[in-house]
Amino acid sequence: MDGDVAPIHAICDLADRYNAMTYVDEVHAVGMYGKRGGGITD
């Protein structure tokens, strides 16, 4: 709706620090971002 992007690395840093799993929704990014279209994580 706003077109903003999550700070994925910062979130993953916290997940590593506090032993949490991460689940990311890439539906509005797959195909469109990344060298092969893998999304913002790509």
PDB file of all heavy atoms in Angstrom:
ATOM      1  N   MET A   1       0.815  -1.210   0.000  1.00  0.00           N
ATOM      2  CA  MET A   1       0.000   0.000   0.000  1.00  0.00           C
ATOM      3  C   MET A   1       0.854   1.269   0.000  1.00  0.00           C
ATOM      4  O   MET A   1       0.513   2.262  -0.633  1.00  0.00           O
ATOM      5  CB  MET A   1      -0.951   0.005   1.204  1.00  0.00           C
ATOM      6  CG  MET A   1      -2.079  -1.014   1.076  1.00  0.00           C
ATOM      7  SD  MET A   1      -3.122  -0.725  -0.375  1.00  0.00           S
ATOM      8  CE  MET A   1      -2.766  -2.180  -1.348  1.00  0.00           C
ATOM      9  N   ASP A   2       1.970   1.255   0.734  1.00  0.00           N
ATOM     10  CA  ASP A   2       2.854   2.419   0.794  1.00  0.00           C
ATOM     11  C   ASP A   2       4.106   2.255  -0.066  1.00  0.00           C
ATOM     12  O   ASP A   2       4.797   3.236  -0.350  1.00  0.00           O
ATOM     13  CB  ASP A   2       3.290   2.694   2.238  1.00  0.00           C
ATOM     14  CG  ASP A   2       2.125   3.157   3.101  1.00  0.00           C
ATOM     15  OD1 ASP A   2       1.190   3.756   2.551  1.00  0.00           O
ATOM     16  OD2 ASP A   2       2.152   2.914   4.321  1.00  0.00           O
ATOM     17  N   GLY A   3       4.428   1.020  -0.436  1.00  0.00           N
ATOM     18  CA  GLY A   3       5.596   0.787  -1.265  1.00  0.00           C
ATOM     19  C   GLY A   3       6.912   0.860  -0.517  1.00  0.00           C
ATOM     20  O   GLY A   3       7.966   1.051  -1.130  1.00  0.00           O
ATOM     21  N   ASP A   4       6.882   0.723   0.818  1.00  0.00           N
ATOM     22  CA  ASP A   4       8.127   0.773   1.585  1.00  0.00           C
ATOM     23  C   ASP A   4       8.677  -0.637   1.793  1.00  0.00           C
ATOM     24  O   ASP A   4       7.981  -1.634   1.609  1.00  0.00           O
ATOM     25  CB  ASP A   4       7.926   1.492   2.919  1.00  0.00           C
ATOM     26  CG  ASP A   4       6.824   0.861   3.764  1.00  0.00           C
ATOM     27  OD1 ASP A   4       5.888   0.276   3.184  1.00  0.00           O
ATOM     28  OD2 ASP A   4       6.904   0.952   4.999  1.00  0.00           O
ATOM     29  N   VAL A   5       9.955  -0.700   2.181  1.00  0.00           N
ATOM     30  CA  VAL A   5      10.686  -1.970   2.244  1.00  0.00           C
ATOM     31  C   VAL A   5      11.149  -2.233   3.677  1.00  0.00           C
ATOM     32  O   VAL A   5      11.542  -1.309   4.395  1.00  0.00           O
ATOM     33  CB  VAL A   5      11.897  -1.921   1.286  1.00  0.00           C
ATOM     34  CG1 VAL A   5      12.789  -3.140   1.458  1.00  0.00           C
ATOM     35  CG2 VAL A   5      11.413  -1.813  -0.156  1.00  0.00           C
ATOM     36  N   ALA A   6      11.110  -3.482   4.078  1.00  0.00           N
ATOM     37  CA  ALA A   6      11.534  -3.877   5.425  1.00  0.00           C
ATOM     38  C   ALA A   6      13.052  -3.871   5.544  1.00  0.00           C
ATOM     39  O   ALA A   6      13.759  -4.191   4.581  1.00  0.00           O
ATOM     40  CB  ALA A   6      11.002  -5.269   5.754  1.00  0.00           C
ATOM     41  N   PRO A   7      13.576  -3.545   6.734  1.00  0.00           N
ATOM     42  CA  PRO A   7      15.024  -3.639   6.994  1.00  0.00           C
ATOM     43  C   PRO A   7      15.399  -5.095   7.285  1.00  0.00           C
ATOM     44  O   PRO A   7      15.603  -5.485   8.440  1.00  0.00           O
ATOM     45  CB  PRO A   7      15.220  -2.732   8.210  1.00  0.00           C
ATOM     46  CG  PRO A   7      13.908  -2.831   8.947  1.00  0.00           C
ATOM     47  CD  PRO A   7      12.840  -3.005   7.896  1.00  0.00           C
ATOM     48  N   ILE A   8      15.501  -5.889   6.247  1.00  0.00           N
ATOM     49  CA  ILE A   8      15.595  -7.346   6.415  1.00  0.00           C
ATOM     50  C   ILE A   8      16.844  -7.751   7.199  1.00  0.00           C
ATOM     51  O   ILE A   8      16.771  -8.589   8.109  1.00  0.00           O
ATOM     52  CB  ILE A   8      15.547  -8.046   5.048  1.00  0.00           C
ATOM     53  CG1 ILE A   8      14.209  -7.745   4.359  1.00  0.00           C
ATOM     54  CG2 ILE A   8      15.726  -9.556   5.207  1.00  0.00           C
ATOM     55  CD1 ILE A   8      14.093  -8.306   2.959  1.00  0.00           C
ATOM     56  N   HIS A   9      17.984  -7.177   6.859  1.00  0.00           N
ATOM     57  CA  HIS A   9      19.213  -7.569   7.559  1.00  0.00           C
ATOM     58  C   HIS A   9      19.138  -7.214   9.046  1.00  0.00           C
ATOM     59  O   HIS A   9      19.590  -7.994   9.903  1.00  0.00           O
ATOM     60  CB  HIS A   9      20.429  -6.918   6.911  1.00  0.00           C
ATOM     61  CG  HIS A   9      20.917  -7.639   5.699  1.00  0.00           C
ATOM     62  ND1 HIS A   9      21.492  -8.892   5.760  1.00  0.00           N
ATOM     63  CD2 HIS A   9      20.908  -7.286   4.385  1.00  0.00           C
ATOM     64  CE1 HIS A   9      21.828  -9.288   4.539  1.00  0.00           C
ATOM     65  NE2 HIS A   9      21.480  -8.326   3.690  1.00  0.00           N
ATOM     66  N   ALA A  10      18.567  -6.055   9.366  1.00  0.00           N
ATOM     67  CA  ALA A  10      18.451  -5.659  10.777  1.00  0.00           C
ATOM     68  C   ALA A  10      17.524  -6.609  11.523  1.00  0.00           C
ATOM     69  O   ALA A  10      17.780  -6.971  12.686  1.00  0.00           O
ATOM     70  CB  ALA A  10      17.941  -4.224  10.881  1.00  0.00           C
ATOM     71  N   ILE A  11      16.441  -7.032  10.875  1.00  0.00           N
ATOM     72  CA  ILE A  11      15.524  -7.990  11.490  1.00  0.00           C
ATOM     73  C   ILE A  11      16.225  -9.331  11.705  1.00  0.00           C
ATOM     74  O   ILE A  11      16.091  -9.972  12.753  1.00  0.00           O
ATOM     75  CB  ILE A  11      14.256  -8.152  10.631  1.00  0.00           C
ATOM     76  CG1 ILE A  11      13.450  -6.854  10.635  1.00  0.00           C
ATOM     77  CG2 ILE A  11      13.398  -9.315  11.139  1.00  0.00           C
ATOM     78  CD1 ILE A  11      12.327  -6.819   9.612  1.00  0.00           C
ATOM     79  N   CYS A  12      16.989  -9.756  10.703  1.00  0.00           N
ATOM     80  CA  CYS A  12      17.721 -11.027  10.820  1.00  0.00           C
ATOM     81  C   CYS A  12      18.807 -10.956  11.892  1.00  0.00           C
ATOM     82  O   CYS A  12      19.080 -11.957  12.573  1.00  0.00           O
ATOM     83  CB  CYS A  12      18.315 -11.414   9.471  1.00  0.00           C
ATOM     84  SG  CYS A  12      17.084 -11.922   8.249  1.00  0.00           S
ATOM     85  N   ASP A  13      19.422  -9.781  12.043  1.00  0.00           N
ATOM     86  CA  ASP A  13      20.404  -9.610  13.122  1.00  0.00           C
ATOM     87  C   ASP A  13      19.752  -9.875  14.476  1.00  0.00           C
ATOM     88  O   ASP A  13      20.332 -10.558  15.343  1.00  0.00           O
ATOM     89  CB  ASP A  13      20.981  -8.191  13.101  1.00  0.00           C
ATOM     90  CG  ASP A  13      21.935  -7.962  11.944  1.00  0.00           C
ATOM     91  OD1 ASP A  13      22.410  -8.947  11.341  1.00  0.00           O
ATOM     92  OD2 ASP A  13      22.202  -6.778  11.628  1.00  0.00           O
ATOM     93  N   LEU A  14      18.549  -9.332  14.658  1.00  0.00           N
ATOM     94  CA  LEU A  14      17.829  -9.550  15.925  1.00  0.00           C
ATOM     95  C   LEU A  14      17.418 -11.010  16.076  1.00  0.00           C
ATOM     96  O   LEU A  14      17.478 -11.570  17.175  1.00  0.00           O
ATOM     97  CB  LEU A  14      16.600  -8.643  15.983  1.00  0.00           C
ATOM     98  CG  LEU A  14      16.863  -7.138  16.084  1.00  0.00           C
ATOM     99  CD1 LEU A  14      15.548  -6.373  16.098  1.00  0.00           C
ATOM    100  CD2 LEU A  14      17.680  -6.811  17.328  1.00  0.00           C
ATOM    101  N   ALA A  15      16.999 -11.621  14.984  1.00  0.00           N
ATOM    102  CA  ALA A  15      16.624 -13.034  15.037  1.00  0.00           C
ATOM    103  C   ALA A  15      17.808 -13.894  15.457  1.00  0.00           C
ATOM    104  O   ALA A  15      17.666 -14.827  16.264  1.00  0.00           O
ATOM    105  CB  ALA A  15      16.097 -13.493  13.683  1.00  0.00           C
ATOM    106  N   ASP A  16      18.979 -13.577  14.933  1.00  0.00           N
ATOM    107  CA  ASP A  16      20.193 -14.310  15.323  1.00  0.00           C
ATOM    108  C   ASP A  16      20.512 -14.084  16.806  1.00  0.00           C
ATOM    109  O   ASP A  16      20.867 -15.021  17.533  1.00  0.00           O
ATOM    110  CB  ASP A  16      21.374 -13.860  14.467  1.00  0.00           C
ATOM    111  CG  ASP A  16      21.251 -14.300  13.015  1.00  0.00           C
ATOM    112  OD1 ASP A  16      20.423 -15.193  12.720  1.00  0.00           O
ATOM    113  OD2 ASP A  16      21.970 -13.727  12.158  1.00  0.00           O
ATOM    114  N   ARG A  17      20.385 -12.827  17.225  1.00  0.00           N
ATOM    115  CA  ARG A  17      20.757 -12.469  18.594  1.00  0.00           C
ATOM    116  C   ARG A  17      19.817 -13.108  19.618  1.00  0.00           C
ATOM    117  O   ARG A  17      20.257 -13.526  20.695  1.00  0.00           O
ATOM    118  CB  ARG A  17      20.729 -10.950  18.743  1.00  0.00           C
ATOM    119  CG  ARG A  17      21.321 -10.418  20.051  1.00  0.00           C
ATOM    120  CD  ARG A  17      21.347  -8.897  20.020  1.00  0.00           C
ATOM    121  NE  ARG A  17      22.032  -8.413  18.832  1.00  0.00           N
ATOM    122  CZ  ARG A  17      21.786  -7.227  18.252  1.00  0.00           C
ATOM    123  NH1 ARG A  17      20.879  -6.424  18.754  1.00  0.00           N
ATOM    124  NH2 ARG A  17      22.466  -6.864  17.180  1.00  0.00           N
ATOM    125  N   TYR A  18      18.539 -13.198  19.281  1.00  0.00           N
ATOM    126  CA  TYR A  18      17.550 -13.680  20.254  1.00  0.00           C
ATOM    127  C   TYR A  18      16.978 -15.054  19.881  1.00  0.00           C
ATOM    128  O   TYR A  18      15.955 -15.464  20.422  1.00  0.00           O
ATOM    129  CB  TYR A  18      16.430 -12.655  20.405  1.00  0.00           C
ATOM    130  CG  TYR A  18      16.930 -11.352  20.988  1.00  0.00           C
ATOM    131  CD1 TYR A  18      17.228 -10.264  20.160  1.00  0.00           C
ATOM    132  CD2 TYR A  18      17.144 -11.209  22.360  1.00  0.00           C
ATOM    133  CE1 TYR A  18      17.707  -9.072  20.687  1.00  0.00           C
ATOM    134  CE2 TYR A  18      17.618 -10.025  22.896  1.00  0.00           C
ATOM    135  CZ  TYR A  18      17.906  -8.957  22.049  1.00  0.00           C
ATOM    136  OH  TYR A  18      18.381  -7.782  22.582  1.00  0.00           O
ATOM    137  N   ASN A  19      17.656 -15.733  18.973  1.00  0.00           N
ATOM    138  CA  ASN A  19      17.312 -17.118  18.634  1.00  0.00           C
ATOM    139  C   ASN A  19      15.855 -17.248  18.170  1.00  0.00           C
ATOM    140  O   ASN A  19      15.077 -18.045  18.706  1.00  0.00           O
ATOM    141  CB  ASN A  19      17.574 -18.030  19.837  1.00  0.00           C
ATOM    142  CG  ASN A  19      17.577 -19.497  19.445  1.00  0.00           C
ATOM    143  OD1 ASN A  19      17.867 -19.840  18.287  1.00  0.00           O
ATOM    144  ND2 ASN A  19      17.247 -20.372  20.380  1.00  0.00           N
ATOM    145  N   ALA A  20      15.488 -16.451  17.162  1.00  0.00           N
ATOM    146  CA  ALA A  20      14.131 -16.485  16.613  1.00  0.00           C
ATOM    147  C   ALA A  20      14.170 -16.948  15.164  1.00  0.00           C
ATOM    148  O   ALA A  20      15.171 -16.784  14.465  1.00  0.00           O
ATOM    149  CB  ALA A  20      13.492 -15.097  16.704  1.00  0.00           C
ATOM    150  N   MET A  21      13.057 -17.532  14.712  1.00  0.00           N
ATOM    151  CA  MET A  21      12.891 -17.861  13.305  1.00  0.00           C
ATOM    152  C   MET A  21      12.331 -16.639  12.567  1.00  0.00           C
ATOM    153  O   MET A  21      11.670 -15.783  13.160  1.00  0.00           O
ATOM    154  CB  MET A  21      11.914 -19.028  13.123  1.00  0.00           C
ATOM    155  CG  MET A  21      12.476 -20.394  13.376  1.00  0.00           C
ATOM    156  SD  MET A  21      11.273 -21.689  12.902  1.00  0.00           S
ATOM    157  CE  MET A  21      11.190 -21.441  11.124  1.00  0.00           C
ATOM    158  N   THR A  22      12.579 -16.581  11.255  1.00  0.00           N
ATOM    159  CA  THR A  22      12.056 -15.486  10.442  1.00  0.00           C
ATOM    160  C   THR A  22      11.220 -16.030   9.293  1.00  0.00           C
ATOM    161  O   THR A  22      11.546 -17.046   8.676  1.00  0.00           O
ATOM    162  CB  THR A  22      13.199 -14.631   9.871  1.00  0.00           C
ATOM    163  OG1 THR A  22      14.195 -15.496   9.300  1.00  0.00           O
ATOM    164  CG2 THR A  22      13.835 -13.761  10.950  1.00  0.00           C
ATOM    165  N   TYR A  23      10.134 -15.306   9.007  1.00  0.00           N
ATOM    166  CA  TYR A  23       9.209 -15.661   7.926  1.00  0.00           C
ATOM    167  C   TYR A  23       8.899 -14.375   7.176  1.00  0.00           C
ATOM    168  O   TYR A  23       8.347 -13.432   7.749  1.00  0.00           O
ATOM    169  CB  TYR A  23       7.941 -16.265   8.526  1.00  0.00           C
ATOM    170  CG  TYR A  23       6.863 -16.659   7.526  1.00  0.00           C
ATOM    171  CD1 TYR A  23       6.555 -18.005   7.312  1.00  0.00           C
ATOM    172  CD2 TYR A  23       6.121 -15.705   6.829  1.00  0.00           C
ATOM    173  CE1 TYR A  23       5.545 -18.381   6.423  1.00  0.00           C
ATOM    174  CE2 TYR A  23       5.124 -16.067   5.937  1.00  0.00           C
ATOM    175  CZ  TYR A  23       4.837 -17.404   5.738  1.00  0.00           C
ATOM    176  OH  TYR A  23       3.838 -17.770   4.850  1.00  0.00           O
ATOM    177  N   VAL A  24       9.274 -14.310   5.898  1.00  0.00           N
ATOM    178  CA  VAL A  24       9.059 -13.082   5.124  1.00  0.00           C
ATOM    179  C   VAL A  24       8.136 -13.343   3.941  1.00  0.00           C
ATOM    180  O   VAL A  24       8.270 -14.341   3.230  1.00  0.00           O
ATOM    181  CB  VAL A  24      10.389 -12.461   4.651  1.00  0.00           C
ATOM    182  CG1 VAL A  24      11.134 -13.362   3.677  1.00  0.00           C
ATOM    183  CG2 VAL A  24      10.163 -11.086   4.026  1.00  0.00           C
ATOM    184  N   ASP A  25       7.201 -12.430   3.751  1.00  0.00           N
ATOM    185  CA  ASP A  25       6.275 -12.444   2.618  1.00  0.00           C
ATOM    186  C   ASP A  25       6.883 -11.585   1.509  1.00  0.00           C
ATOM    187  O   ASP A  25       7.075 -10.388   1.666  1.00  0.00           O
ATOM    188  CB  ASP A  25       4.929 -11.877   3.089  1.00  0.00           C
ATOM    189  CG  ASP A  25       3.910 -11.706   1.984  1.00  0.00           C
ATOM    190  OD1 ASP A  25       4.287 -11.297   0.878  1.00  0.00           O
ATOM    191  OD2 ASP A  25       2.716 -11.942   2.224  1.00  0.00           O
ATOM    192  N   GLU A  26       7.150 -12.223   0.359  1.00  0.00           N
ATOM    193  CA  GLU A  26       7.775 -11.534  -0.777  1.00  0.00           C
ATOM    194  C   GLU A  26       6.808 -11.369  -1.964  1.00  0.00           C
ATOM    195  O   GLU A  26       7.244 -11.171  -3.095  1.00  0.00           O
ATOM    196  CB  GLU A  26       9.006 -12.332  -1.247  1.00  0.00           C
ATOM    197  CG  GLU A  26      10.242 -12.188  -0.364  1.00  0.00           C
ATOM    198  CD  GLU A  26      11.207 -11.153  -0.901  1.00  0.00           C
ATOM    199  OE1 GLU A  26      10.745 -10.134  -1.461  1.00  0.00           O
ATOM    200  OE2 GLU A  26      12.430 -11.360  -0.764  1.00  0.00           O
ATOM    201  N   VAL A  27       5.498 -11.425  -1.712  1.00  0.00           N
ATOM    202  CA  VAL A  27       4.560 -11.504  -2.835  1.00  0.00           C
ATOM    203  C   VAL A  27       4.630 -10.297  -3.769  1.00  0.00           C
ATOM    204  O   VAL A  27       4.413 -10.435  -4.979  1.00  0.00           O
ATOM    205  CB  VAL A  27       3.108 -11.732  -2.358  1.00  0.00           C
ATOM    206  CG1 VAL A  27       2.966 -13.042  -1.628  1.00  0.00           C
ATOM    207  CG2 VAL A  27       2.620 -10.581  -1.509  1.00  0.00           C
ATOM    208  N   HIS A  28       4.907  -9.110  -3.231  1.00  0.00           N
ATOM    209  CA  HIS A  28       4.956  -7.917  -4.079  1.00  0.00           C
ATOM    210  C   HIS A  28       6.377  -7.600  -4.546  1.00  0.00           C
ATOM    211  O   HIS A  28       6.635  -6.487  -5.018  1.00  0.00           O
ATOM    212  CB  HIS A  28       4.361  -6.719  -3.347  1.00  0.00           C
ATOM    213  CG  HIS A  28       2.879  -6.835  -3.152  1.00  0.00           C
ATOM    214  ND1 HIS A  28       1.974  -6.516  -4.136  1.00  0.00           N
ATOM    215  CD2 HIS A  28       2.154  -7.287  -2.103  1.00  0.00           C
ATOM    216  CE1 HIS A  28       0.743  -6.731  -3.691  1.00  0.00           C
ATOM    217  NE2 HIS A  28       0.831  -7.209  -2.470  1.00  0.00           N
ATOM    218  N   ALA A  29       7.267  -8.573  -4.436  1.00  0.00           N
ATOM    219  CA  ALA A  29       8.659  -8.348  -4.840  1.00  0.00           C
ATOM    220  C   ALA A  29       9.224  -9.448  -5.730  1.00  0.00           C
ATOM    221  O   ALA A  29      10.114  -9.176  -6.549  1.00  0.00           O
ATOM    222  CB  ALA A  29       9.539  -8.200  -3.594  1.00  0.00           C
ATOM    223  N   VAL A  30       8.730 -10.694  -5.594  1.00  0.00           N
ATOM    224  CA  VAL A  30       9.291 -11.774  -6.413  1.00  0.00           C
ATOM    225  C   VAL A  30       9.077 -11.478  -7.902  1.00  0.00           C
ATOM    226  O   VAL A  30       8.043 -10.966  -8.317  1.00  0.00           O
ATOM    227  CB  VAL A  30       8.685 -13.149  -6.054  1.00  0.00           C
ATOM    228  CG1 VAL A  30       9.219 -13.626  -4.717  1.00  0.00           C
ATOM    229  CG2 VAL A  30       7.167 -13.122  -6.061  1.00  0.00           C
ATOM    230  N   GLY A  31      10.108 -11.776  -8.665  1.00  0.00           N
ATOM    231  CA  GLY A  31      10.085 -11.502 -10.097  1.00  0.00           C
ATOM    232  C   GLY A  31      10.603 -10.128 -10.436  1.00  0.00           C
ATOM    233  O   GLY A  31      11.197  -9.922 -11.501  1.00  0.00           O
ATOM    234  N   MET A  32      10.426  -9.163  -9.529  1.00  0.00           N
ATOM    235  CA  MET A  32      10.708  -7.756  -9.838  1.00  0.00           C
ATOM    236  C   MET A  32      12.010  -7.222  -9.262  1.00  0.00           C
ATOM    237  O   MET A  32      12.509  -6.187  -9.719  1.00  0.00           O
ATOM    238  CB  MET A  32       9.551  -6.894  -9.323  1.00  0.00           C
ATOM    239  CG  MET A  32       8.255  -7.143 -10.046  1.00  0.00           C
ATOM    240  SD  MET A  32       6.864  -6.335  -9.232  1.00  0.00           S
ATOM    241  CE  MET A  32       6.556  -7.476  -7.887  1.00  0.00           C
ATOM    242  N   TYR A  33      12.550  -7.893  -8.261  1.00  0.00           N
ATOM    243  CA  TYR A  33      13.765  -7.405  -7.612  1.00  0.00           C
ATOM    244  C   TYR A  33      14.771  -8.546  -7.499  1.00  0.00           C
ATOM    245  O   TYR A  33      14.394  -9.717  -7.417  1.00  0.00           O
ATOM    246  CB  TYR A  33      13.446  -6.832  -6.223  1.00  0.00           C
ATOM    247  CG  TYR A  33      12.548  -5.614  -6.295  1.00  0.00           C
ATOM    248  CD1 TYR A  33      11.167  -5.755  -6.315  1.00  0.00           C
ATOM    249  CD2 TYR A  33      13.085  -4.336  -6.381  1.00  0.00           C
ATOM    250  CE1 TYR A  33      10.339  -4.648  -6.408  1.00  0.00           C
ATOM    251  CE2 TYR A  33      12.265  -3.226  -6.472  1.00  0.00           C
ATOM    252  CZ  TYR A  33      10.888  -3.385  -6.488  1.00  0.00           C
ATOM    253  OH  TYR A  33      10.072  -2.289  -6.595  1.00  0.00           O
ATOM    254  N   GLY A  34      16.034  -8.176  -7.463  1.00  0.00           N
ATOM    255  CA  GLY A  34      17.089  -9.171  -7.385  1.00  0.00           C
ATOM    256  C   GLY A  34      17.609  -9.560  -8.756  1.00  0.00           C
ATOM    257  O   GLY A  34      16.923  -9.402  -9.769  1.00  0.00           O
ATOM    258  N   LYS A  35      18.821 -10.077  -8.787  1.00  0.00           N
ATOM    259  CA  LYS A  35      19.460 -10.435 -10.050  1.00  0.00           C
ATOM    260  C   LYS A  35      18.659 -11.477 -10.821  1.00  0.00           C
ATOM    261  O   LYS A  35      18.615 -11.466 -12.061  1.00  0.00           O
ATOM    262  CB  LYS A  35      20.871 -10.963  -9.773  1.00  0.00           C
ATOM    263  CG  LYS A  35      21.697 -11.199 -11.030  1.00  0.00           C
ATOM    264  CD  LYS A  35      23.116 -11.617 -10.682  1.00  0.00           C
ATOM    265  CE  LYS A  35      23.928 -11.837 -11.953  1.00  0.00           C
ATOM    266  NZ  LYS A  35      25.325 -12.272 -11.647  1.00  0.00           N
ATOM    267  N   ARG A  36      18.001 -12.403 -10.100  1.00  0.00           N
ATOM    268  CA  ARG A  36      17.221 -13.460 -10.761  1.00  0.00           C
ATOM    269  C   ARG A  36      15.724 -13.361 -10.465  1.00  0.00           C
ATOM    270  O   ARG A  36      14.972 -14.287 -10.756  1.00  0.00           O
ATOM    271  CB  ARG A  36      17.724 -14.832 -10.328  1.00  0.00           C
ATOM    272  CG  ARG A  36      19.184 -15.111 -10.671  1.00  0.00           C
ATOM    273  CD  ARG A  36      19.473 -16.598 -10.608  1.00  0.00           C
ATOM    274  NE  ARG A  36      18.999 -17.190  -9.354  1.00  0.00           N
ATOM    275  CZ  ARG A  36      18.682 -18.477  -9.206  1.00  0.00           C
ATOM    276  NH1 ARG A  36      18.761 -19.299 -10.227  1.00  0.00           N
ATOM    277  NH2 ARG A  36      18.290 -18.945  -8.033  1.00  0.00           N
ATOM    278  N   GLY A  37      15.300 -12.251  -9.841  1.00  0.00           N
ATOM    279  CA  GLY A  37      13.892 -12.104  -9.543  1.00  0.00           C
ATOM    280  C   GLY A  37      13.457 -12.770  -8.256  1.00  0.00           C
ATOM    281  O   GLY A  37      12.277 -13.051  -8.069  1.00  0.00           O
ATOM    282  N   GLY A  38      14.383 -12.991  -7.350  1.00  0.00           N
ATOM    283  CA  GLY A  38      14.051 -13.632  -6.082  1.00  0.00           C
ATOM    284  C   GLY A  38      13.454 -12.692  -5.052  1.00  0.00           C
ATOM    285  O   GLY A  38      13.160 -13.116  -3.941  1.00  0.00           O
ATOM    286  N   GLY A  39      13.287 -11.419  -5.409  1.00  0.00           N
ATOM    287  CA  GLY A  39      12.664 -10.466  -4.499  1.00  0.00           C
ATOM    288  C   GLY A  39      13.668  -9.596  -3.768  1.00  0.00           C
ATOM    289  O   GLY A  39      14.851  -9.526  -4.122  1.00  0.00           O
ATOM    290  N   ILE A  40      13.189  -8.905  -2.734  1.00  0.00           N
ATOM    291  CA  ILE A  40      14.057  -8.015  -1.959  1.00  0.00           C
ATOM    292  C   ILE A  40      15.148  -8.806  -1.246  1.00  0.00           C
ATOM    293  O   ILE A  40      16.284  -8.342  -1.119  1.00  0.00           O
ATOM    294  CB  ILE A  40      13.226  -7.206  -0.941  1.00  0.00           C
ATOM    295  CG1 ILE A  40      12.158  -6.358  -1.662  1.00  0.00           C
ATOM    296  CG2 ILE A  40      14.129  -6.309  -0.103  1.00  0.00           C
ATOM    297  CD1 ILE A  40      12.706  -5.292  -2.577  1.00  0.00           C
ATOM    298  N   THR A  41      14.836 -10.015  -0.782  1.00  0.00           N
ATOM    299  CA  THR A  41      15.869 -10.834  -0.140  1.00  0.00           C
ATOM    300  C   THR A  41      16.976 -11.175  -1.123  1.00  0.00           C
ATOM    301  O   THR A  41      18.147 -11.288  -0.743  1.00  0.00           O
ATOM    302  CB  THR A  41      15.273 -12.133   0.431  1.00  0.00           C
ATOM    303  OG1 THR A  41      14.514 -12.804  -0.593  1.00  0.00           O
ATOM    304  CG2 THR A  41      14.381 -11.848   1.623  1.00  0.00           C
ATOM    305  N   ASP A  42      16.634 -11.326  -2.391  1.00  0.00           N
ATOM    306  CA  ASP A  42      17.620 -11.569  -3.445  1.00  0.00           C
ATOM    307  C   ASP A  42      18.420 -10.297  -3.700  1.00  0.00           C
ATOM    308  O   ASP A  42      19.661 -10.311  -3.714  1.00  0.00           O
ATOM    309  CB  ASP A  42      16.894 -12.025  -4.715  1.00  0.00           C
ATOM    310  CG  ASP A  42      17.813 -12.334  -5.883  1.00  0.00           C
ATOM    311  OD1 ASP A  42      19.050 -12.353  -5.697  1.00  0.00           O
ATOM    312  OD2 ASP A  42      17.299 -12.558  -6.994  1.00  0.00           O
TER     313      ASP A  42
END
